[in-house]
Protein backbone atom coordinates (compact mmCIF):
# COMPACT_ATOMS: atom_id res chain seq x y z
CA MET A 1 114.94 73.36 50.78
CA ASP A 2 115.91 76.97 50.01
CA CYS A 3 113.67 79.81 48.93
CA PRO A 4 114.34 81.66 45.67
CA THR A 5 116.38 84.82 46.19
CA ASN A 6 115.76 86.65 42.92
CA ALA A 7 112.80 87.45 40.67
CA SER A 8 113.58 84.93 37.92
CA MET A 9 114.06 82.02 40.33
CA TRP A 10 110.87 83.02 42.17
CA LYS A 11 108.87 83.11 38.90
CA LYS A 12 110.26 79.75 37.82
CA ARG A 13 109.25 78.16 41.13
CA ALA A 14 105.83 79.87 40.98
CA ASP A 15 105.18 78.50 37.49
CA ARG A 16 105.87 75.02 38.77
CA TYR A 17 103.39 75.39 41.64
CA LYS A 18 100.49 76.64 39.47
CA CYS A 19 98.58 78.42 42.26
CA GLN A 20 94.94 79.19 41.41
CA ASN A 21 92.45 82.05 41.80
CA LYS A 22 93.69 84.78 44.16
CA ASP A 23 96.33 82.55 45.73
CA ILE A 24 99.88 83.04 44.52
CA TYR A 25 103.15 81.28 45.21
CA HIS A 26 105.01 82.09 48.44
CA CYS A 27 108.13 80.68 50.03
CA LEU A 28 108.25 81.75 53.67
CA LEU A 29 109.82 81.01 57.00
CA LEU A 30 107.65 79.06 59.43
CA LYS A 31 106.58 81.00 62.50
CA ASP A 32 108.74 78.82 64.77
CA LYS A 33 111.73 79.58 62.48
CA THR A 34 112.66 75.91 62.13
CA ARG A 35 112.30 75.58 58.37
CA LEU A 36 111.01 77.15 55.15
CA LYS A 37 107.70 76.29 53.52
CA GLU A 38 106.22 76.79 50.04
CA VAL A 39 102.49 77.60 49.94
CA CYS A 40 99.79 79.14 47.77
CA ILE A 41 98.17 82.04 49.64
CA GLU A 42 96.86 85.52 48.90
CA GLN A 43 99.34 88.35 48.54
CA ALA A 44 99.58 90.86 51.43
CA ARG A 45 101.26 94.22 51.98
CA ILE A 46 104.19 94.02 54.43
CA GLY A 47 105.42 97.06 56.33
CA LYS A 48 108.91 98.47 56.54
CA GLY A 49 111.08 96.54 59.01
CA TYR A 50 108.99 93.34 58.94
CA CYS A 51 109.36 89.90 57.33
CA PRO A 52 106.39 87.75 56.28
CA ILE A 53 106.16 84.35 57.97
CA ILE A 54 103.68 81.47 57.74
CA THR A 55 101.81 79.72 60.55
CA ARG A 56 101.33 75.98 60.71
CA HIS A 57 97.76 76.54 59.49
CA ASN A 58 99.07 78.40 56.42
CA TYR A 59 98.04 81.84 57.68
CA LEU A 60 100.27 84.77 56.81
CA ASP A 61 101.82 86.57 59.77
CA TRP A 62 104.78 88.91 60.06
CA ALA A 63 107.81 89.31 62.30
CA LEU A 64 109.96 92.25 63.29
CA CYS A 65 113.37 92.50 61.62
CA ASN A 66 115.85 95.01 63.03
CA THR A 67 119.31 94.42 61.61
CA THR A 68 121.31 95.04 58.44
CA GLY A 69 119.55 93.68 55.37
CA CYS A 70 116.03 93.94 56.77
CA PRO A 71 113.25 95.39 54.57
CA ASN A 72 113.69 99.16 54.37
CA ASP A 73 110.43 99.90 52.58
CA THR A 74 106.91 98.51 52.25
CA TYR A 75 106.54 95.60 49.83
CA THR A 76 104.23 92.73 48.93
CA SER A 77 104.65 89.35 50.58
CA ASP A 78 105.62 87.66 47.30
CA GLU A 79 108.58 90.06 46.99
CA VAL A 80 110.27 88.71 50.11
CA TYR A 81 113.00 87.22 47.90
CA LYS A 82 114.51 90.72 47.87
CA TYR A 83 115.39 90.26 51.55
CA PRO A 84 117.16 86.88 52.05
CA ILE A 85 117.58 87.69 55.72
CA CYS A 86 113.86 86.90 56.10
CA PHE A 87 114.66 83.26 55.29
CA MET A 88 117.02 82.74 58.25
CA THR A 89 116.04 79.59 60.14
CA THR A 90 118.10 80.18 63.26
CA HIS A 91 116.39 80.98 66.58
CA THR A 92 119.03 83.61 67.24
CA GLY A 93 118.32 85.42 64.01
CA PRO A 94 117.27 89.03 63.69
CA ILE A 95 113.53 88.56 63.24
CA ARG A 96 111.10 88.14 66.10
CA THR A 97 107.44 87.20 65.82
CA THR A 98 105.09 90.00 66.74
CA SER A 99 102.14 87.85 67.76
CA ASN A 100 103.63 86.27 70.86
CA ASP A 101 106.89 88.14 71.42
CA MET A 102 106.43 91.87 71.57
CA GLY A 103 109.60 92.48 73.54
CA THR A 104 112.03 93.44 70.81
CA ASN A 105 111.61 97.16 71.41
CA VAL A 106 109.87 97.22 74.76
CA GLN A 107 111.70 97.40 78.06
CA SER A 108 110.11 97.65 81.49
CA LEU A 109 111.26 98.62 84.94
CA ILE A 110 109.24 97.38 87.88
CA GLY A 111 109.73 99.14 91.20
CA VAL A 112 108.73 97.46 94.47
CA GLY A 113 108.78 99.32 97.74
CA ILE A 114 109.39 96.58 100.30
CA ALA A 115 111.44 93.38 100.07
CA ILE A 116 108.57 91.25 101.31
CA PHE A 117 106.85 91.73 97.96
CA ILE A 118 109.64 90.15 95.93
CA LEU A 119 107.97 86.76 95.48
CA PRO A 120 104.56 88.00 94.26
CA ILE A 121 106.20 90.47 91.90
CA LEU A 122 108.56 87.86 90.52
CA ALA A 123 105.55 85.64 89.89
CA PHE A 124 104.00 88.48 87.90
CA CYS A 125 107.18 88.95 85.87
CA VAL A 126 107.13 85.31 84.85
CA VAL A 127 103.41 85.08 84.16
CA GLY A 128 102.49 88.56 83.02
CA CYS A 129 105.61 89.60 81.16
CA GLY A 130 106.89 86.24 79.99
CA LYS A 131 105.27 86.69 76.60
CA TRP A 132 107.34 89.83 76.02
CA ASN A 133 110.81 88.80 77.10
CA LYS A 134 113.13 85.85 77.24
CA HIS A 135 115.67 87.56 79.53
CA ARG A 136 114.95 89.24 82.83
CA GLY A 137 117.09 90.80 85.54
CA THR A 138 116.77 92.07 89.09
CA PHE A 139 118.63 95.00 90.62
CA THR A 140 118.89 95.82 94.30
CA PHE A 141 119.14 99.52 95.15
CA LYS A 142 122.53 100.94 96.09
CA GLU A 143 123.10 104.68 96.27
CA ASP A 144 126.21 106.82 96.19
CA GLU A 145 127.18 110.26 94.90
CA ASN A 146 128.10 108.86 91.50
CA ASN A 147 124.51 107.66 90.97
CA GLU A 148 125.74 104.08 90.92
CA SER A 149 122.20 102.73 91.25
CA VAL A 150 120.96 104.28 88.00
CA LYS A 151 124.10 103.22 86.16
CA GLY A 152 123.60 99.71 87.46
CA VAL A 153 120.06 99.61 86.07
CA LEU A 154 121.25 100.87 82.69
CA GLN A 155 123.93 98.19 82.58
CA VAL A 156 121.41 95.44 83.37
CA LEU A 157 119.14 96.80 80.61
CA ASP A 158 121.81 95.82 78.09
CA ASN A 159 121.08 92.17 78.90
CA SER A 160 117.44 92.11 79.95
CA ASN A 161 114.12 93.61 78.92
CA VAL A 162 112.57 93.48 82.41
CA ILE A 163 114.30 94.78 85.53
CA LEU A 164 112.87 94.39 89.04
CA ILE A 165 114.18 96.97 91.50
CA HIS A 166 113.50 96.25 95.16
CA GLY A 167 114.66 97.86 98.37
CA THR A 168 113.65 99.14 101.78
CA LEU A 169 111.18 102.02 101.85
CA GLY A 170 113.16 105.26 101.73
CA ASN A 171 116.11 103.89 99.77
CA GLY A 172 114.89 105.40 96.52
CA VAL A 173 113.26 102.57 94.58
CA SER A 174 110.85 104.87 92.73
CA LYS A 175 113.45 107.59 92.24
CA THR A 176 115.93 105.12 90.75
CA GLY A 177 113.34 103.70 88.37
CA LYS A 178 112.24 107.12 87.16
CA GLU A 179 115.78 108.44 86.76
CA ALA A 180 116.83 105.30 84.89
CA THR A 181 113.98 105.67 82.39
CA LYS A 182 114.93 109.29 81.74
CA ASP A 183 118.64 108.51 81.44
CA PHE A 184 117.90 105.58 79.13
CA ILE A 185 116.16 107.72 76.51
CA GLN A 186 118.88 110.38 76.75
CA LEU A 187 121.46 107.88 75.51
CA GLU A 188 122.50 108.64 71.94
CA ASP A 189 121.20 105.38 70.45
CA HIS A 190 117.86 105.69 72.28
CA SER A 191 116.91 109.23 71.27
CA ASP A 192 113.88 107.97 69.36
CA TRP A 193 112.49 106.07 72.39
CA GLU A 194 109.74 107.26 74.72
CA TYR A 195 109.15 106.61 78.40
CA GLN A 196 106.12 106.22 80.66
CA TRP A 197 105.61 106.07 84.41
CA ILE A 198 102.46 104.18 85.38
CA ASN A 199 100.83 102.53 88.35
CA TYR A 200 100.36 98.76 88.13
CA ASP A 201 96.59 99.43 88.12
CA ASP A 202 96.96 101.01 84.69
CA PHE A 203 99.08 98.23 83.25
CA SER A 204 96.15 96.59 81.43
CA ASP A 205 95.24 99.95 79.84
CA THR A 206 98.80 100.71 78.70
CA PRO A 207 99.74 98.44 75.81
CA PRO A 208 103.52 98.43 75.31
CA ALA A 209 104.48 100.19 72.10
CA GLY A 210 107.66 99.82 70.09
CA LYS A 211 110.68 101.73 71.45
CA THR A 212 109.06 102.45 74.79
CA ILE A 213 110.49 102.03 78.28
CA ILE A 214 107.97 101.84 81.12
CA PHE A 215 108.46 102.24 84.87
CA VAL A 216 105.69 100.48 86.80
CA ASP A 217 105.26 100.99 90.55
CA GLY A 218 102.54 101.34 93.19
CA TRP A 219 102.31 97.55 93.55
CA PHE A 220 99.46 96.53 95.89
CA GLY A 221 98.85 100.16 96.88
CA ILE A 222 100.18 103.70 96.94
CA TRP A 223 101.06 103.83 100.64
CA ASN A 224 101.08 100.22 101.80
CA GLU A 225 99.70 96.82 100.80
CA ASN A 226 96.10 96.09 99.86
CA PRO A 227 95.97 92.26 99.86
CA SER A 228 92.81 92.24 97.72
CA SER A 229 94.55 93.95 94.81
CA ASP A 230 94.70 91.90 91.64
CA ALA A 231 98.40 92.58 91.08
CA GLU A 232 99.04 89.04 89.90
CA ASN A 233 97.18 89.77 86.68
CA GLY A 234 98.48 93.30 86.28
CA THR A 235 94.93 94.56 86.65
CA ASN A 236 92.48 95.41 89.39
CA ASN A 237 88.78 94.83 89.64
CA ARG A 238 87.79 98.46 89.55
CA GLU A 239 84.44 99.53 88.21
CA PRO A 240 84.39 100.52 84.54
CA LEU A 241 84.63 104.21 83.73
CA LEU A 242 81.05 104.73 82.67
CA PHE A 243 79.25 107.98 81.95
CA LYS A 244 76.92 109.00 84.77
CA ASP A 245 73.98 111.33 84.29
CA ASN A 246 73.68 114.38 86.48
CA GLU A 247 71.94 114.17 89.84
CA ASN A 248 68.63 115.32 88.38
CA ASN A 249 68.81 112.53 85.77
CA GLU A 250 67.20 114.79 83.22
CA THR A 251 66.60 112.12 80.59
CA VAL A 252 64.78 109.72 82.91
CA GLU A 253 62.79 112.56 84.45
CA GLY A 254 61.71 113.57 80.96
CA VAL A 255 60.30 110.10 80.33
CA LEU A 256 58.49 110.01 83.69
CA GLN A 257 56.89 113.38 83.01
CA GLU A 258 55.66 112.23 79.61
CA LEU A 259 54.16 109.09 81.21
CA HIS A 260 51.75 111.35 83.10
CA ASN A 261 50.26 112.43 79.78
CA SER A 262 50.43 109.28 77.68
CA ASN A 263 50.52 105.51 78.05
CA VAL A 264 53.01 105.08 75.20
CA ILE A 265 56.39 106.83 75.01
CA LEU A 266 58.81 106.39 72.11
CA ILE A 267 62.45 107.20 72.95
CA HIS A 268 64.76 107.68 69.99
CA GLY A 269 68.34 108.85 69.68
CA THR A 270 71.76 108.23 68.18
CA LEU A 271 73.46 104.95 69.09
CA GLY A 272 75.50 105.58 72.21
CA ASN A 273 73.25 108.27 73.65
CA GLY A 274 71.59 105.88 76.08
CA VAL A 275 68.23 104.95 74.53
CA SER A 276 68.10 101.50 76.15
CA LYS A 277 69.60 102.69 79.41
CA THR A 278 67.08 105.52 79.67
CA GLY A 279 64.14 103.21 78.93
CA LYS A 280 65.23 100.62 81.50
CA GLU A 281 65.94 103.22 84.19
CA ALA A 282 62.62 104.95 83.56
CA THR A 283 60.63 101.72 84.01
CA LYS A 284 62.47 100.97 87.26
CA ASP A 285 61.98 104.49 88.62
CA PHE A 286 58.31 104.38 87.65
CA ILE A 287 57.55 101.27 89.72
CA GLN A 288 59.48 102.68 92.67
CA LYS A 289 56.90 105.45 92.71
CA HIS A 290 54.08 102.98 91.99
CA SER A 291 54.86 100.05 94.28
CA ASP A 292 51.87 97.97 93.17
CA TRP A 293 53.01 97.98 89.53
CA GLU A 294 55.29 95.50 87.76
CA TYR A 295 57.70 96.00 84.87
CA GLN A 296 59.12 93.93 82.05
CA ARG A 297 61.79 94.44 79.42
CA ILE A 298 61.18 92.57 76.16
CA ASN A 299 62.27 92.44 72.54
CA TYR A 300 59.69 93.53 69.97
CA ASP A 301 59.66 89.92 68.69
CA ASP A 302 58.17 88.86 72.03
CA CYS A 303 55.22 91.27 71.95
CA SER A 304 52.84 88.62 70.61
CA ASP A 305 53.76 86.29 73.50
CA THR A 306 53.61 88.95 76.21
CA PRO A 307 50.06 89.85 77.25
CA LEU A 308 49.84 93.37 78.63
CA ALA A 309 48.31 93.18 82.11
CA GLU A 310 46.95 95.94 84.30
CA LYS A 311 49.45 97.90 86.38
CA THR A 312 52.33 96.82 84.17
CA ILE A 313 54.93 98.98 82.47
CA ILE A 314 56.93 97.40 79.64
CA PHE A 315 60.09 98.57 77.91
CA VAL A 316 60.35 97.25 74.33
CA ASP A 317 63.53 97.52 72.28
CA GLY A 318 65.58 95.56 69.72
CA TRP A 319 63.46 96.93 66.87
CA PHE A 320 64.48 95.35 63.54
CA GLY A 321 67.48 93.63 65.14
CA ILE A 322 69.86 93.25 68.05
CA TRP A 323 72.81 95.03 66.45
CA ASN A 324 71.51 96.73 63.31
CA GLU A 325 68.52 96.58 60.94
CA ASN A 326 67.06 93.58 59.13
CA PRO A 327 64.67 95.14 56.55
CA CYS A 328 62.81 91.84 56.20
CA LYS A 329 61.34 92.39 59.68
CA VAL A 330 58.92 95.14 58.62
CA ASN A 331 55.85 92.89 58.88
CA ASP A 332 56.92 91.60 62.30
CA VAL A 333 57.45 95.16 63.53
CA GLU A 334 54.04 96.23 62.25
CA LYS A 335 52.36 93.29 64.04
CA ALA A 336 54.15 94.18 67.28
CA LEU A 337 53.08 97.82 67.06
CA LYS A 338 49.46 96.85 66.41
CA LYS A 339 49.57 94.45 69.37
CA ILE A 340 50.79 97.28 71.59
CA ARG A 341 48.07 99.61 70.31
CA ASN A 342 45.30 97.04 70.84
CA SER A 343 46.56 96.23 74.34
CA ILE A 344 46.64 99.90 75.32
CA ASP A 345 43.09 100.35 74.02
CA ASN A 346 41.76 97.32 75.92
CA VAL A 347 43.74 97.33 79.17
CA GLN A 348 43.49 100.07 81.75
CA LEU A 349 46.46 101.24 83.81
CA CYS A 350 49.25 99.93 81.61
CA LYS A 351 52.13 101.75 79.98
CA VAL A 352 54.67 101.00 77.25
CA ILE A 353 58.05 102.59 76.52
CA LEU A 354 59.68 101.93 73.15
CA GLY A 355 63.39 102.51 72.50
CA ILE A 356 64.75 102.78 68.96
CA ARG A 357 67.91 104.01 67.29
CA GLU A 358 67.55 107.34 65.49
CA ASP A 359 68.55 106.27 61.97
CA ILE A 360 66.15 103.30 62.11
CA TYR A 361 63.34 105.51 63.42
CA GLU A 362 63.94 108.04 60.64
CA LYS A 363 63.69 105.31 58.01
CA TYR A 364 60.49 103.82 59.47
CA LYS A 365 58.93 106.89 61.09
CA LYS A 366 55.72 106.51 59.10
CA LEU A 367 55.40 102.87 60.17
CA PHE A 368 55.70 103.75 63.86
CA ASN A 369 53.55 106.88 63.78
CA SER A 370 50.68 105.21 61.92
CA ASN A 371 50.51 102.11 64.13
CA LEU A 372 50.88 103.57 67.61
CA PRO A 373 48.06 105.24 69.59
CA SER A 374 47.38 108.75 68.36
CA ASN A 375 48.35 110.32 71.70
CA PHE A 376 51.75 108.63 72.00
CA ARG A 377 54.62 110.91 73.00
CA HIS A 378 58.18 110.77 71.72
CA LEU A 379 61.38 111.87 73.41
CA TYR A 380 64.43 112.77 71.30
CA LEU A 381 67.44 112.04 73.49
CA ASP A 382 69.96 113.85 71.31
CA SER A 383 68.35 117.20 72.08
CA ILE A 384 68.71 116.56 75.82
CA ARG A 385 72.25 115.21 75.56
CA ALA A 386 73.32 118.30 73.60
CA ARG A 387 72.76 120.37 76.74
CA GLN A 388 75.07 118.24 78.90
CA ASN A 389 78.47 119.63 77.87
CA LYS A 390 79.54 120.39 81.43
CA GLU A 391 78.73 116.85 82.49
CA LEU A 392 80.74 115.41 79.61
CA GLU A 393 83.71 117.62 80.45
CA GLN A 394 83.65 116.45 84.06
CA GLN A 395 83.49 112.81 82.96
CA LEU A 396 86.38 113.22 80.53
CA LYS A 397 88.53 114.97 83.12
CA ARG A 398 87.73 112.35 85.75
CA THR A 399 88.58 109.42 83.50
CA LEU A 400 91.80 110.91 82.11
CA ASN A 401 92.97 111.73 85.63
CA LYS A 402 92.36 108.13 86.63
CA VAL A 403 94.41 106.82 83.71
CA ASN A 404 97.18 109.27 84.72
CA CYS A 405 99.09 108.99 81.44
CA LYS A 406 102.78 109.98 81.61
CA LYS A 407 103.56 109.31 77.97
CA ARG A 408 105.24 112.24 76.27
CA LYS A 409 103.44 113.79 73.31
CA CYS A 410 100.34 111.66 73.91
CA SER A 411 97.17 112.91 72.22
CA CYS A 412 95.26 112.58 75.48
CA ALA A 413 97.00 115.74 76.70
CA THR A 414 95.03 117.81 74.18
CA LEU A 415 91.86 115.71 74.19
CA ASN A 416 88.77 117.78 74.95
CA ILE A 417 85.03 117.45 74.66
CA GLN A 418 84.79 119.72 71.63
CA GLY A 419 87.38 117.58 69.86
CA ILE A 420 85.34 114.47 70.61
CA LYS A 421 82.05 116.09 69.59
CA ASP A 422 83.48 117.33 66.30
CA LYS A 423 84.42 113.82 65.21
CA TYR A 424 82.32 110.80 64.24
CA HIS A 425 78.75 112.05 64.62
CA GLU A 426 77.39 108.55 63.96
CA LEU A 427 77.93 107.72 67.65
CA GLY A 428 76.70 109.49 70.77
CA ASN A 429 79.26 111.62 72.60
CA HIS A 430 78.64 109.78 75.85
CA LEU A 431 79.69 106.44 74.41
CA LYS A 432 82.67 108.00 72.65
CA VAL A 433 83.91 109.27 76.02
CA GLU A 434 83.36 105.88 77.66
CA ILE A 435 85.18 103.93 74.95
CA LEU A 436 88.14 106.30 74.72
CA ALA A 437 88.46 106.35 78.50
CA SER A 438 88.37 102.56 78.77
CA HIS A 439 90.67 101.98 75.78
CA HIS A 440 93.32 104.67 76.06
CA CYS A 441 95.35 103.20 73.20
CA LEU A 442 92.61 104.29 70.77
CA ILE A 443 92.93 108.04 71.38
CA THR A 444 95.81 108.77 69.02
CA LYS A 445 94.31 106.88 66.10
CA PHE A 446 90.86 108.38 66.69
CA MET A 447 92.20 111.94 66.82
CA GLU A 448 94.09 111.34 63.58
CA CYS A 449 91.34 109.74 61.49
CA GLY A 450 88.21 111.01 63.28
CA ASP A 451 86.40 107.69 62.72
CA LEU A 452 85.85 105.57 65.83
CA LEU A 453 84.57 102.57 63.87
CA GLU A 454 87.70 102.56 61.72
CA THR A 455 89.85 103.05 64.83
CA LEU A 456 88.32 100.03 66.56
CA VAL A 457 88.44 97.89 63.43
CA CYS A 458 92.20 98.51 63.27
CA HIS A 459 92.45 97.83 67.00
CA PHE A 460 90.77 94.43 66.70
CA MET A 461 93.01 93.55 63.77
CA GLU A 462 96.06 94.41 65.89
CA LEU A 463 94.76 92.15 68.66
CA GLN A 464 95.01 89.23 66.25
CA LYS A 465 98.77 89.77 66.18
CA LYS A 466 99.43 90.88 69.74
CA LYS A 467 96.82 89.12 71.88
CA LYS A 468 95.69 86.08 69.96
CA ARG A 469 93.71 84.42 72.76
CA LEU A 470 91.78 87.60 73.51
CA TYR A 471 91.15 88.11 69.79
CA GLU A 472 89.81 84.58 69.32
CA CYS A 473 87.55 84.82 72.39
CA LEU A 474 86.05 88.06 71.05
CA MET A 475 85.64 86.84 67.48
CA TYR A 476 83.97 83.64 68.67
CA ILE A 477 81.35 85.85 70.35
CA VAL A 478 80.98 87.74 67.08
CA ILE A 479 80.40 84.50 65.19
CA LYS A 480 77.96 83.02 67.71
CA GLY A 481 76.41 86.26 68.97
CA LYS A 482 77.17 85.32 72.58
CA TYR A 483 79.05 82.73 74.64
CA LYS A 484 77.34 80.62 77.28
CA ILE A 485 79.74 80.36 80.20
CA GLY A 486 81.04 76.83 80.63
CA ASP A 487 80.04 75.60 77.17
CA ASP A 488 82.55 73.86 74.95
CA VAL A 489 83.77 75.98 72.07
CA ASP A 490 82.16 74.84 68.80
CA SER A 491 84.66 72.48 67.16
CA ASP A 492 83.47 73.38 63.66
CA VAL A 493 84.09 77.07 64.26
CA LYS A 494 87.52 76.30 65.71
CA LYS A 495 88.38 74.24 62.65
CA GLU A 496 87.11 76.72 60.07
CA PHE A 497 88.68 79.79 61.70
CA HIS A 498 91.75 77.98 63.05
CA PHE A 499 91.00 79.05 66.63
CA GLY A 500 92.86 77.46 69.52
CA ILE A 501 90.60 78.62 72.37
CA THR A 502 88.69 76.40 74.80
CA SER A 503 86.13 77.07 77.51
CA GLU A 504 89.07 77.63 79.87
CA SER A 505 90.21 80.54 77.71
CA TYR A 506 87.16 82.54 78.81
CA LYS A 507 88.12 81.96 82.45
CA ASP A 508 91.79 82.82 82.02
CA CYS A 509 91.60 85.82 79.67
CA LYS A 510 91.45 88.75 82.09
CA SER A 511 91.48 91.40 79.35
CA LEU A 512 88.12 90.12 78.10
CA ASP A 513 86.35 92.24 80.72
CA LYS A 514 87.42 95.43 78.91
CA TYR A 515 85.23 94.51 75.94
CA THR A 516 82.46 92.30 77.32
CA LYS A 517 79.97 91.86 80.14
CA LYS A 518 78.19 88.91 81.73
CA MET A 519 74.41 88.75 81.56
CA PRO A 520 71.80 86.18 82.59
CA GLY A 521 69.75 84.62 79.81
CA LYS A 522 66.57 86.32 81.02
CA ASP A 523 68.07 89.75 80.25
CA LEU A 524 69.30 88.85 76.76
CA VAL A 525 67.67 89.32 73.41
CA ASN A 526 67.66 85.88 71.84
CA ILE A 527 69.81 84.90 68.88
CA LYS A 528 67.98 83.07 66.10
CA ASN A 529 67.53 79.34 66.84
CA ALA A 530 69.48 79.56 70.09
CA ALA A 531 67.79 78.73 73.39
CA THR A 532 68.69 81.01 76.31
CA PRO A 533 68.01 79.44 79.72
CA PRO A 534 67.00 82.37 81.95
CA ASN A 535 69.39 81.56 84.79
CA GLN A 536 72.40 80.71 82.61
CA GLU A 537 75.10 83.38 82.35
CA TYR A 538 76.36 84.56 78.98
CA ILE A 539 79.25 86.72 77.82
CA VAL A 540 78.33 89.41 75.29
CA PHE A 541 79.97 92.62 74.11
CA GLU A 542 79.73 95.52 76.55
CA TYR A 543 78.21 97.77 73.89
CA VAL A 544 76.42 97.10 70.60
CA PHE A 545 78.94 99.42 68.94
CA LEU A 546 81.85 97.23 70.06
CA TYR A 547 80.14 94.21 68.51
CA LEU A 548 79.61 96.11 65.26
CA CYS A 549 83.28 97.11 65.13
CA ALA A 550 84.46 93.58 65.90
CA PHE A 551 82.15 92.21 63.19
CA HIS A 552 83.52 94.72 60.67
CA SER A 553 87.05 93.68 61.60
CA LEU A 554 86.40 89.96 61.11
CA PHE A 555 84.45 90.62 57.91
CA LYS A 556 87.29 92.73 56.53
CA MET A 557 89.78 89.90 57.05
CA GLN A 558 87.60 86.87 56.26
CA PRO A 559 84.45 87.97 54.37
CA LYS A 560 83.63 84.59 52.86
CA MET A 561 84.00 82.77 56.19
CA VAL A 562 81.80 85.34 57.93
CA MET A 563 79.07 85.06 55.30
CA LYS A 564 78.97 81.30 55.74
CA HIS A 565 79.60 80.70 59.43
CA CYS A 566 78.56 83.82 61.36
CA ASN A 567 75.14 83.82 63.03
CA MET A 568 72.44 84.65 60.49
CA ASP A 569 71.00 87.57 62.46
CA ALA A 570 74.28 89.48 62.33
CA VAL A 571 74.82 88.91 58.60
CA LEU A 572 71.29 89.99 57.66
CA GLN A 573 71.39 93.04 59.93
CA ILE A 574 74.88 94.32 59.16
CA VAL A 575 75.96 93.23 55.67
CA ARG A 576 74.73 94.97 52.52
CA PRO A 577 75.73 94.70 48.84
CA ASP A 578 78.40 97.18 47.81
CA GLU A 579 75.90 99.08 45.63
CA ALA A 580 73.29 99.38 48.40
CA ASP A 581 73.75 103.16 48.65
CA GLN A 582 71.85 103.48 45.38
CA ASP A 583 68.75 102.26 47.19
CA GLY A 584 68.94 105.04 49.78
CA ASP A 585 69.02 102.54 52.64
CA GLY A 586 70.06 105.17 55.18
CA ILE A 587 71.10 102.69 57.87
CA LYS A 588 74.45 103.24 59.56
CA PHE A 589 77.23 100.78 60.44
CA CYS A 590 76.64 98.45 57.47
CA ALA A 591 79.51 96.36 56.08
CA LYS A 592 79.66 96.40 52.29
CA ALA A 593 80.10 93.04 50.55
CA GLU A 594 81.49 92.63 47.04
CA ASN A 595 79.47 90.69 44.45
CA GLU A 596 81.60 87.60 44.96
CA TYR A 597 80.63 87.31 48.64
CA VAL A 598 76.98 88.22 48.12
CA THR A 599 76.67 85.46 45.52
CA TYR A 600 78.53 83.03 47.76
CA PHE A 601 76.16 83.77 50.66
CA TYR A 602 73.13 83.27 48.43
CA LYS A 603 74.31 79.98 46.93
CA GLU A 604 76.01 78.41 49.96
CA VAL A 605 73.72 79.59 52.76
CA VAL A 606 70.36 80.87 51.54
CA LYS A 607 69.64 78.31 48.82
CA ARG A 608 70.97 75.42 50.89
CA THR A 609 68.72 76.21 53.87
CA PRO A 610 65.08 75.14 53.36
CA GLY A 611 62.64 78.06 53.51
CA LEU A 612 65.31 80.72 53.86
CA GLU A 613 64.99 82.10 50.34
CA ASP A 614 61.25 82.64 50.71
CA THR A 615 61.66 84.24 54.13
CA PHE A 616 64.36 86.69 53.08
CA CYS A 617 63.54 87.21 49.40
CA GLY A 618 63.20 90.95 50.04
CA HIS A 619 66.57 91.34 51.74
CA PRO A 620 69.10 93.47 49.79
CA LEU A 621 71.64 90.62 49.79
CA VAL A 622 69.19 88.14 48.28
CA LYS A 623 67.69 90.65 45.84
CA HIS A 624 71.15 91.65 44.68
CA ALA A 625 72.29 88.05 44.24
CA ILE A 626 69.20 87.15 42.21
CA GLY A 627 69.56 90.31 40.14
CA THR A 628 73.17 89.56 39.23
CA GLU A 629 72.25 86.00 38.24
CA VAL A 630 69.79 87.17 35.61
């Protein structure tokens, strides 16, 4: 079978197929490039230099094309007939799939100081770099006045994308690698390439970009070998680059001072400014000074089941939802606040700290103020954080020095605290620093668009193409809310979303640690209808904001699937009708759903689940769906 190669032939074939709704006729090359396939799928925009391809599950993907006849402008996927080269079914053809083979424009040099390390490094090349390149080479250092060693590396680079240079200490392994990278980009046909010099420690934080040559050294240690280094995975088990408060811990001290004057403290602040962290640290510090006291951390939903005993301090958070706000929880919140007030009135020597996000507190300020004891104190974290510029600057400098970026013209060179503070006020500056430091590849995009949510949404969408296993592991957590370590992956979710992950994927995917953390069930806020054994470990997103961004990304690509299969808590807390702004909702981080998906959610989920319509009749999604039906 051949694909049509002009507009009239394409239209004639499309008329015969009679695709329905938003799906239109496509004739595309299979991802494995063995044959062509005709399908009905939605149209997509394809970038310059790429060809659309189809997966075996009929999902649209794209592949790099870098020869004569390749697309020289952006176009829609159903216009691929303009570029017959995209139909080539040979494995030696000019297009290369981007999802699993990123090596078309990426070349790496790996320098090793001592010959004894050849075997472990070769193992890394096969395991860690195998997904980039099909051809690899090694080069042993030889030096003469004519710079034969560098020329030798450049010659090998004509035939291989990964070169391993090894030699005795003092014979110029690092020098050769660095000189070769510089000489490579000075060649006439490589003038548009860039180069980087990095330590193997930073390999996991340095995603290879197109037309980039990277020299990686420092294997197992700067001076000699550290056998505990995790060089096999191209990463090390260093502690995350987290923001640390100053030695006086001003925020926690502020809470402890207020506890001398009141039994109830309400901490509020912008997401990312440490509301939960401050509340938890304050309760711990309090009992260290009051050794006969006990402390608990609970979700507001658990207030009715948690009797307040004497000499107990409790931190209560999760108000209105784990990730965002479910407006149908107003009555539950009011009951919890009244329970706290009654307990404080009736129990001596007990204290309660509440933590709530600023935009939610602003919306429900009257509800909180009228139901808490009259002498409750509140602490606005943003006002304290605003005075910590010096601390932020030190943290930014420390983290950027640790990354040690050598990329020319990288935005991190001009990154400063004022630049971070001036952009994306929806998130606390402390979390912005942490995320940008941990995910260096986000800096350029963030500095360009100024929107960290948009930056991360794009990042997660890129992961789908470049790191499919990591992407599926993360999106499965989005769908379920959490992953219980060792559990089988839900077969229904795998089928509906075409995931290929298993429980082993969570063990093998080392990059997962950059986005998630492990927590015991006793420390987790429960997901609706999901039991959480207290001693069982779960994997959840490191920060609420990362979950929100990942949810937005999945919703943007598959809104109907998310509305039907994602955990109900997330949908009700995050998704709003597209016209919700008219209601003055005021809650940040909401994903806007078009009428089609709101109606679908109402008919396929709400109405099909007994009791759900009565429970959530006041939710904007349900109200909007009912209103559009009339």
